[in-house]
N, C-alpha and C. Protein backbone atom coordinates (compact mmCIF):
# COMPACT_ATOMS: atom_id res chain seq x y z
N UNK A 1 0.82 -1.17 0.11
CA UNK A 1 0.02 0.24 -0.08
C UNK A 1 1.09 1.24 0.17
N UNK A 2 0.66 1.94 -0.87
CA UNK A 2 1.44 3.26 -1.29
C UNK A 2 0.86 4.40 0.00
N UNK A 3 1.92 5.04 0.51
CA UNK A 3 1.80 6.04 1.53
C UNK A 3 1.42 7.33 1.29
N UNK A 4 0.71 7.96 1.76
CA UNK A 4 0.05 9.38 1.16
C UNK A 4 1.11 10.52 1.44
N UNK A 5 1.59 10.92 0.47
CA UNK A 5 2.84 11.72 0.48
C UNK A 5 2.43 13.00 1.45
N UNK A 6 1.47 13.61 1.74
CA UNK A 6 1.54 14.59 2.62
C UNK A 6 1.76 14.23 4.01
N UNK A 7 1.63 12.76 4.20
CA UNK A 7 1.94 12.48 5.82
C UNK A 7 2.99 11.28 5.74
N UNK A 8 3.70 11.63 4.71
CA UNK A 8 5.02 10.75 4.73
C UNK A 8 5.81 10.72 5.63
N UNK A 9 6.19 11.88 6.23
CA UNK A 9 7.18 12.27 7.40
C UNK A 9 6.39 11.96 8.83
N UNK A 10 5.19 11.85 8.99
CA UNK A 10 4.37 11.47 10.25
C UNK A 10 4.24 10.12 10.37
N UNK A 11 4.55 9.31 9.33
CA UNK A 11 4.33 7.73 9.38
C UNK A 11 2.73 7.55 9.53
N UNK A 12 1.83 8.11 9.42
CA UNK A 12 0.51 8.10 9.44
C UNK A 12 -0.28 8.36 8.12
N UNK A 13 -0.82 7.46 7.34
CA UNK A 13 -1.44 7.75 6.27
C UNK A 13 -3.18 8.45 6.65
N UNK A 14 -3.16 9.27 5.46
CA UNK A 14 -4.50 10.05 5.56
C UNK A 14 -5.76 8.81 5.74
N UNK A 15 -5.66 7.69 5.09
CA UNK A 15 -6.98 6.71 5.42
C UNK A 15 -6.72 6.11 6.78
N UNK A 16 -5.41 5.96 7.36
CA UNK A 16 -5.37 5.63 8.67
C UNK A 16 -6.28 6.63 9.81
N UNK A 17 -5.94 7.84 9.54
CA UNK A 17 -6.39 8.98 10.33
C UNK A 17 -8.13 8.81 10.29
N UNK A 18 -8.45 8.68 9.41
CA UNK A 18 -9.90 8.50 8.79
C UNK A 18 -10.62 7.63 9.41
N UNK A 19 -9.84 6.64 9.44
CA UNK A 19 -10.45 5.15 9.96
C UNK A 19 -10.76 5.25 11.69
N UNK A 20 -9.94 6.48 12.18
CA UNK A 20 -9.91 6.51 13.74
C UNK A 20 -11.28 7.70 14.15
N UNK A 21 -11.82 8.15 13.15
CA UNK A 21 -13.01 8.86 13.00
C UNK A 21 -14.08 8.28 13.18
N UNK A 22 -15.45 8.83 13.88
CA UNK A 22 -16.66 8.35 13.54
C UNK A 22 -16.83 7.98 12.29
N UNK A 23 -17.56 7.17 11.91
CA UNK A 23 -18.04 6.45 10.23
C UNK A 23 -18.63 7.70 9.50
N UNK A 24 -19.47 8.49 10.08
CA UNK A 24 -20.03 9.57 9.25
C UNK A 24 -19.16 10.91 8.95
N UNK A 25 -18.35 11.01 9.94
CA UNK A 25 -17.32 12.29 9.89
C UNK A 25 -16.37 11.79 8.88
N UNK A 26 -15.70 10.53 8.90
CA UNK A 26 -14.88 10.14 8.10
C UNK A 26 -15.22 9.79 6.47
N UNK A 27 -16.87 9.62 6.42
CA UNK A 27 -17.17 9.53 4.93
C UNK A 27 -17.17 10.74 4.35
N UNK A 28 -17.72 11.89 5.31
CA UNK A 28 -17.83 13.11 4.76
C UNK A 28 -16.34 13.95 4.16
N UNK A 29 -15.40 13.68 5.04
CA UNK A 29 -14.06 13.97 4.84
C UNK A 29 -13.54 13.40 3.26
N UNK A 30 -13.87 12.01 3.26
CA UNK A 30 -13.48 11.49 2.38
C UNK A 30 -13.96 12.12 0.78
N UNK A 31 -15.45 12.28 1.01
CA UNK A 31 -16.03 13.04 -0.14
C UNK A 31 -15.68 14.26 -0.49
N UNK A 32 -15.50 15.09 0.67
CA UNK A 32 -15.38 16.29 0.57
C UNK A 32 -13.72 16.62 0.23
N UNK A 33 -12.72 16.26 0.90
CA UNK A 33 -11.45 16.60 0.84
C UNK A 33 -10.84 15.78 -0.34
N UNK A 34 -10.96 14.56 -0.41
CA UNK A 34 -10.21 13.57 -1.36
C UNK A 34 -10.81 13.34 -2.69
N UNK A 35 -12.41 13.75 -2.61
CA UNK A 35 -12.94 13.48 -4.18
C UNK A 35 -13.44 15.08 -4.38
N UNK A 36 -13.09 16.06 -3.57
CA UNK A 36 -13.50 17.52 -4.05
C UNK A 36 -14.97 17.59 -4.19
N UNK A 37 -15.75 17.03 -3.28
CA UNK A 37 -17.29 17.17 -3.75
C UNK A 37 -17.87 18.26 -3.09
N UNK A 38 -18.75 18.98 -3.45
CA UNK A 38 -19.26 19.98 -2.84
C UNK A 38 -20.36 19.59 -1.69
N UNK A 39 -20.36 20.58 -0.60
CA UNK A 39 -21.46 20.09 0.30
C UNK A 39 -22.90 19.71 0.10
N UNK A 40 -23.45 20.62 -0.96
CA UNK A 40 -24.74 20.05 -1.39
C UNK A 40 -24.52 18.73 -2.22
N UNK A 41 -23.71 18.11 -2.84
CA UNK A 41 -23.68 16.99 -3.46
C UNK A 41 -23.51 15.84 -2.15
N UNK A 42 -22.56 16.20 -1.24
CA UNK A 42 -22.63 15.20 -0.34
C UNK A 42 -23.87 14.99 0.64
N UNK A 43 -24.70 16.06 0.77
CA UNK A 43 -25.64 16.27 1.43
C UNK A 43 -26.94 15.26 0.80
N UNK A 44 -26.93 15.55 -0.65
CA UNK A 44 -28.08 14.73 -1.19
C UNK A 44 -27.57 13.24 -1.15
N UNK A 45 -26.29 13.00 -1.46
CA UNK A 45 -25.84 11.66 -1.61
C UNK A 45 -26.14 10.83 -0.31
N UNK A 46 -25.94 11.47 1.04
CA UNK A 46 -26.08 11.10 2.24
C UNK A 46 -27.64 11.15 2.94
N UNK A 47 -28.65 11.88 2.08
CA UNK A 47 -29.72 12.31 2.59
C UNK A 47 -29.81 13.08 3.97
N UNK A 48 -29.13 13.94 4.08
CA UNK A 48 -29.08 14.97 4.85
C UNK A 48 -28.81 16.13 4.45
N UNK A 49 -28.79 17.36 5.39
CA UNK A 49 -28.93 18.53 4.88
C UNK A 49 -27.52 19.11 5.02
N UNK A 50 -27.19 20.29 4.32
CA UNK A 50 -25.65 21.00 3.97
C UNK A 50 -25.20 21.35 5.61
N UNK A 51 -26.21 21.68 6.21
CA UNK A 51 -25.78 22.25 7.67
C UNK A 51 -25.04 20.93 8.21
N UNK A 52 -25.82 19.86 8.09
CA UNK A 52 -25.31 18.57 8.67
C UNK A 52 -23.96 18.07 8.24
N UNK A 53 -23.45 18.21 6.98
CA UNK A 53 -22.61 17.95 6.44
C UNK A 53 -21.48 18.93 7.04
N UNK A 54 -21.54 19.97 7.01
CA UNK A 54 -20.84 21.02 7.37
C UNK A 54 -20.30 20.92 8.80
N UNK A 55 -21.06 20.63 9.78
CA UNK A 55 -21.01 20.26 11.01
C UNK A 55 -20.15 18.88 10.94
N UNK A 56 -20.38 17.91 10.44
CA UNK A 56 -19.85 16.90 10.55
C UNK A 56 -18.15 17.15 9.82
N UNK A 57 -18.18 17.67 8.84
CA UNK A 57 -16.46 18.24 8.36
C UNK A 57 -16.03 18.97 9.31
N UNK A 58 -16.65 19.99 10.12
CA UNK A 58 -15.91 20.88 11.13
C UNK A 58 -15.54 19.72 12.20
N UNK A 59 -16.24 18.91 12.65
CA UNK A 59 -15.94 18.06 13.73
C UNK A 59 -14.81 17.20 13.57
N UNK A 60 -14.86 16.56 12.38
CA UNK A 60 -13.72 15.86 11.88
C UNK A 60 -12.35 16.52 11.82
N UNK A 61 -12.22 17.57 11.19
CA UNK A 61 -11.30 18.39 11.01
C UNK A 61 -10.57 18.75 12.53
N UNK A 62 -11.49 19.22 13.28
CA UNK A 62 -10.98 19.64 14.83
C UNK A 62 -10.60 18.33 15.48
N UNK A 63 -10.98 16.97 15.15
CA UNK A 63 -10.18 15.80 15.71
C UNK A 63 -9.00 15.47 15.27
N UNK A 64 -8.85 15.87 14.03
CA UNK A 64 -7.46 15.48 13.37
C UNK A 64 -6.28 15.74 14.07
N UNK A 65 -6.17 16.71 14.76
CA UNK A 65 -4.99 16.89 15.49
C UNK A 65 -4.65 16.08 16.45
N UNK A 66 -5.85 15.90 17.40
CA UNK A 66 -5.83 14.83 18.39
C UNK A 66 -5.32 13.41 17.96
N UNK A 67 -5.75 13.17 16.78
CA UNK A 67 -5.18 11.88 16.19
C UNK A 67 -3.62 11.94 15.91
N UNK A 68 -3.15 12.90 15.57
CA UNK A 68 -1.82 12.92 15.32
C UNK A 68 -0.94 13.00 16.76
N UNK A 69 -1.71 13.23 17.45
CA UNK A 69 -0.75 13.63 19.07
C UNK A 69 -0.42 12.06 19.50
């Protein structure tokens, strides 16, 4: 498995970090960051509001530094 270039020096892949998050937050980050999807398209796919997607994204991004510690 190839390493994520952005985390090469950290020894932690993006996927490993995502696996540590709650499933809904990880799914949203995958779609938003890795696939460059809009909040609206993610919300439509998941059957939730764009505000819900935004809140989950914010929570996931806030949790990432803790995962690196």
